[in-house]
Amino acid sequence: MTPSACIVKWVTESNRPANIVNDAELQNIFTAGRPHTIIPSVSTITRNINASFTKCHEKIGKLLQVSTKLPLFTGAIN
């Protein structure tokens, strides 16, 4: 998983604002031991969250369309 994907996952799962990546202490934690680490910008995180939402929304929509086309089971098991 890319660093950007990890941050997107953490931000969304813990209900944090995307601009938390601008926090100086958080940036220190991200770069501890890896001084050349590039931290994605707020706009990159926001764009990735929106792209992830769109992809999930489309996938769920397709799953729901398929499930409504399946025949309902109405018979008893013998």
N, C-alpha and C. Protein backbone atom coordinates (compact mmCIF):
# COMPACT_ATOMS: atom_id res chain seq x y z
N MET A 1 0.85 -1.18 0.00
CA MET A 1 0.00 0.00 0.00
C MET A 1 0.90 1.24 0.00
N THR A 2 0.57 2.18 -0.84
CA THR A 2 1.37 3.41 -0.93
C THR A 2 1.17 4.27 0.32
N PRO A 3 2.14 5.14 0.61
CA PRO A 3 1.96 6.03 1.77
C PRO A 3 0.68 6.87 1.67
N SER A 4 0.37 7.33 0.47
CA SER A 4 -0.84 8.12 0.28
C SER A 4 -2.09 7.29 0.60
N ALA A 5 -2.11 6.04 0.13
CA ALA A 5 -3.24 5.15 0.40
C ALA A 5 -3.37 4.88 1.89
N CYS A 6 -2.26 4.72 2.57
CA CYS A 6 -2.29 4.50 4.03
C CYS A 6 -2.87 5.71 4.75
N ILE A 7 -2.47 6.89 4.33
CA ILE A 7 -2.98 8.11 4.96
C ILE A 7 -4.47 8.26 4.68
N VAL A 8 -4.89 8.00 3.45
CA VAL A 8 -6.32 8.08 3.10
C VAL A 8 -7.12 7.11 3.97
N LYS A 9 -6.62 5.89 4.12
CA LYS A 9 -7.29 4.89 4.95
C LYS A 9 -7.38 5.37 6.40
N TRP A 10 -6.29 5.87 6.93
CA TRP A 10 -6.27 6.32 8.32
C TRP A 10 -7.20 7.52 8.52
N VAL A 11 -7.15 8.48 7.60
CA VAL A 11 -7.98 9.69 7.71
C VAL A 11 -9.47 9.31 7.68
N THR A 12 -9.84 8.45 6.76
CA THR A 12 -11.26 8.11 6.61
C THR A 12 -11.75 7.19 7.74
N GLU A 13 -10.96 6.19 8.11
CA GLU A 13 -11.40 5.26 9.15
C GLU A 13 -11.45 5.90 10.53
N SER A 14 -10.59 6.88 10.79
CA SER A 14 -10.58 7.52 12.10
C SER A 14 -11.30 8.86 12.10
N ASN A 15 -11.97 9.15 10.98
CA ASN A 15 -12.79 10.37 10.87
C ASN A 15 -11.99 11.64 11.16
N ARG A 16 -10.81 11.71 10.55
CA ARG A 16 -9.96 12.89 10.71
C ARG A 16 -10.15 13.81 9.50
N PRO A 17 -9.89 15.10 9.67
CA PRO A 17 -9.95 16.00 8.52
C PRO A 17 -8.71 15.80 7.64
N ALA A 18 -8.87 15.99 6.35
CA ALA A 18 -7.75 15.79 5.42
C ALA A 18 -6.59 16.73 5.72
N ASN A 19 -6.88 17.91 6.25
CA ASN A 19 -5.80 18.87 6.50
C ASN A 19 -4.93 18.50 7.70
N ILE A 20 -5.19 17.36 8.31
CA ILE A 20 -4.34 16.90 9.41
C ILE A 20 -2.92 16.61 8.91
N VAL A 21 -2.78 16.36 7.60
CA VAL A 21 -1.44 16.10 7.06
C VAL A 21 -0.55 17.33 7.13
N ASN A 22 -1.13 18.49 7.39
CA ASN A 22 -0.33 19.71 7.55
C ASN A 22 0.20 19.89 8.98
N ASP A 23 -0.22 19.04 9.90
CA ASP A 23 0.21 19.14 11.29
C ASP A 23 1.71 18.85 11.39
N ALA A 24 2.44 19.77 11.99
CA ALA A 24 3.90 19.65 12.06
C ALA A 24 4.34 18.41 12.84
N GLU A 25 3.68 18.11 13.95
CA GLU A 25 4.05 16.94 14.75
C GLU A 25 3.77 15.64 14.00
N LEU A 26 2.66 15.58 13.29
CA LEU A 26 2.35 14.40 12.49
C LEU A 26 3.40 14.23 11.39
N GLN A 27 3.80 15.31 10.78
CA GLN A 27 4.84 15.24 9.75
C GLN A 27 6.14 14.73 10.33
N ASN A 28 6.46 15.14 11.57
CA ASN A 28 7.66 14.62 12.24
C ASN A 28 7.56 13.11 12.45
N ILE A 29 6.38 12.64 12.82
CA ILE A 29 6.18 11.20 13.02
C ILE A 29 6.36 10.46 11.69
N PHE A 30 5.76 10.99 10.62
CA PHE A 30 5.86 10.36 9.30
C PHE A 30 7.29 10.26 8.81
N THR A 31 8.08 11.28 9.10
CA THR A 31 9.44 11.33 8.56
C THR A 31 10.50 10.83 9.53
N ALA A 32 10.11 10.40 10.72
CA ALA A 32 11.08 9.89 11.69
C ALA A 32 11.78 8.67 11.11
N GLY A 33 13.08 8.76 11.01
CA GLY A 33 13.86 7.66 10.45
C GLY A 33 13.84 7.59 8.93
N ARG A 34 13.00 8.37 8.32
CA ARG A 34 12.90 8.42 6.85
C ARG A 34 12.79 9.89 6.41
N PRO A 35 13.87 10.61 6.53
CA PRO A 35 13.82 12.07 6.27
C PRO A 35 13.45 12.45 4.84
N HIS A 36 13.55 11.52 3.90
CA HIS A 36 13.24 11.83 2.51
C HIS A 36 11.81 11.47 2.13
N THR A 37 11.01 11.06 3.13
CA THR A 37 9.62 10.71 2.87
C THR A 37 8.85 11.94 2.40
N ILE A 38 8.09 11.76 1.35
CA ILE A 38 7.26 12.85 0.84
C ILE A 38 5.84 12.63 1.35
N ILE A 39 5.32 13.61 2.05
CA ILE A 39 3.98 13.55 2.60
C ILE A 39 3.03 14.19 1.59
N PRO A 40 1.98 13.46 1.19
CA PRO A 40 1.05 14.02 0.21
C PRO A 40 0.35 15.28 0.73
N SER A 41 -0.01 16.14 -0.19
CA SER A 41 -0.69 17.39 0.18
C SER A 41 -2.15 17.12 0.52
N VAL A 42 -2.77 18.12 1.12
CA VAL A 42 -4.19 18.03 1.46
C VAL A 42 -5.02 17.80 0.20
N SER A 43 -4.68 18.49 -0.88
CA SER A 43 -5.46 18.32 -2.12
C SER A 43 -5.31 16.91 -2.67
N THR A 44 -4.13 16.31 -2.55
CA THR A 44 -3.93 14.93 -3.00
C THR A 44 -4.75 13.97 -2.15
N ILE A 45 -4.73 14.14 -0.84
CA ILE A 45 -5.50 13.28 0.05
C ILE A 45 -6.99 13.41 -0.25
N THR A 46 -7.46 14.64 -0.40
CA THR A 46 -8.87 14.89 -0.69
C THR A 46 -9.27 14.26 -2.03
N ARG A 47 -8.44 14.43 -3.04
CA ARG A 47 -8.71 13.85 -4.35
C ARG A 47 -8.76 12.32 -4.27
N ASN A 48 -7.84 11.73 -3.51
CA ASN A 48 -7.82 10.27 -3.37
C ASN A 48 -9.02 9.75 -2.58
N ILE A 49 -9.47 10.49 -1.58
CA ILE A 49 -10.67 10.10 -0.83
C ILE A 49 -11.88 10.13 -1.76
N ASN A 50 -12.01 11.19 -2.54
CA ASN A 50 -13.14 11.30 -3.47
C ASN A 50 -13.09 10.19 -4.54
N ALA A 51 -11.91 9.89 -5.05
CA ALA A 51 -11.77 8.83 -6.05
C ALA A 51 -12.14 7.48 -5.45
N SER A 52 -11.71 7.25 -4.22
CA SER A 52 -12.03 6.00 -3.54
C SER A 52 -13.53 5.88 -3.31
N PHE A 53 -14.16 6.96 -2.90
CA PHE A 53 -15.60 6.96 -2.69
C PHE A 53 -16.33 6.65 -3.99
N THR A 54 -15.92 7.31 -5.07
CA THR A 54 -16.57 7.10 -6.37
C THR A 54 -16.44 5.65 -6.81
N LYS A 55 -15.26 5.08 -6.65
CA LYS A 55 -15.04 3.69 -7.04
C LYS A 55 -15.90 2.74 -6.21
N CYS A 56 -15.96 2.96 -4.91
CA CYS A 56 -16.79 2.12 -4.04
C CYS A 56 -18.27 2.29 -4.36
N HIS A 57 -18.69 3.51 -4.63
CA HIS A 57 -20.08 3.80 -4.96
C HIS A 57 -20.50 3.05 -6.22
N GLU A 58 -19.64 3.08 -7.23
CA GLU A 58 -19.92 2.37 -8.48
C GLU A 58 -19.98 0.86 -8.25
N LYS A 59 -19.04 0.34 -7.48
CA LYS A 59 -19.00 -1.10 -7.21
C LYS A 59 -20.26 -1.56 -6.46
N ILE A 60 -20.65 -0.81 -5.45
CA ILE A 60 -21.85 -1.15 -4.68
C ILE A 60 -23.09 -1.06 -5.57
N GLY A 61 -23.14 -0.04 -6.43
CA GLY A 61 -24.26 0.09 -7.37
C GLY A 61 -24.38 -1.12 -8.28
N LYS A 62 -23.25 -1.61 -8.78
CA LYS A 62 -23.27 -2.80 -9.63
C LYS A 62 -23.71 -4.03 -8.85
N LEU A 63 -23.24 -4.16 -7.61
CA LEU A 63 -23.63 -5.30 -6.79
C LEU A 63 -25.13 -5.28 -6.51
N LEU A 64 -25.67 -4.11 -6.25
CA LEU A 64 -27.10 -4.00 -5.98
C LEU A 64 -27.92 -4.29 -7.22
N GLN A 65 -27.45 -3.88 -8.39
CA GLN A 65 -28.17 -4.17 -9.63
C GLN A 65 -28.20 -5.67 -9.88
N VAL A 66 -27.10 -6.34 -9.64
CA VAL A 66 -27.04 -7.79 -9.84
C VAL A 66 -27.96 -8.49 -8.86
N SER A 67 -27.96 -8.05 -7.61
CA SER A 67 -28.77 -8.73 -6.60
C SER A 67 -30.26 -8.54 -6.84
N THR A 68 -30.67 -7.45 -7.46
CA THR A 68 -32.10 -7.25 -7.73
C THR A 68 -32.55 -8.06 -8.93
N LYS A 69 -31.61 -8.52 -9.74
CA LYS A 69 -31.95 -9.33 -10.91
C LYS A 69 -31.99 -10.83 -10.58
N LEU A 70 -31.48 -11.20 -9.42
CA LEU A 70 -31.48 -12.60 -9.03
C LEU A 70 -32.90 -13.02 -8.65
N PRO A 71 -33.29 -14.24 -9.00
CA PRO A 71 -34.63 -14.69 -8.61
C PRO A 71 -34.72 -14.88 -7.10
N LEU A 72 -35.85 -14.56 -6.57
CA LEU A 72 -36.07 -14.76 -5.14
C LEU A 72 -36.37 -16.21 -4.87
N PHE A 73 -35.88 -16.70 -3.78
CA PHE A 73 -36.15 -18.08 -3.39
C PHE A 73 -37.50 -18.11 -2.67
N THR A 74 -38.46 -18.78 -3.23
CA THR A 74 -39.79 -18.82 -2.62
C THR A 74 -40.23 -20.23 -2.30
N GLY A 75 -39.49 -21.22 -2.78
CA GLY A 75 -39.91 -22.60 -2.56
C GLY A 75 -39.39 -23.17 -1.25
N ALA A 76 -40.04 -24.19 -0.78
CA ALA A 76 -39.61 -24.87 0.44
C ALA A 76 -38.57 -25.93 0.09
N ILE A 77 -37.70 -26.18 1.00
CA ILE A 77 -36.69 -27.22 0.82
C ILE A 77 -37.32 -28.56 1.17
N ASN A 78 -37.19 -29.54 0.29
CA ASN A 78 -37.75 -30.86 0.53
C ASN A 78 -36.80 -31.74 1.26
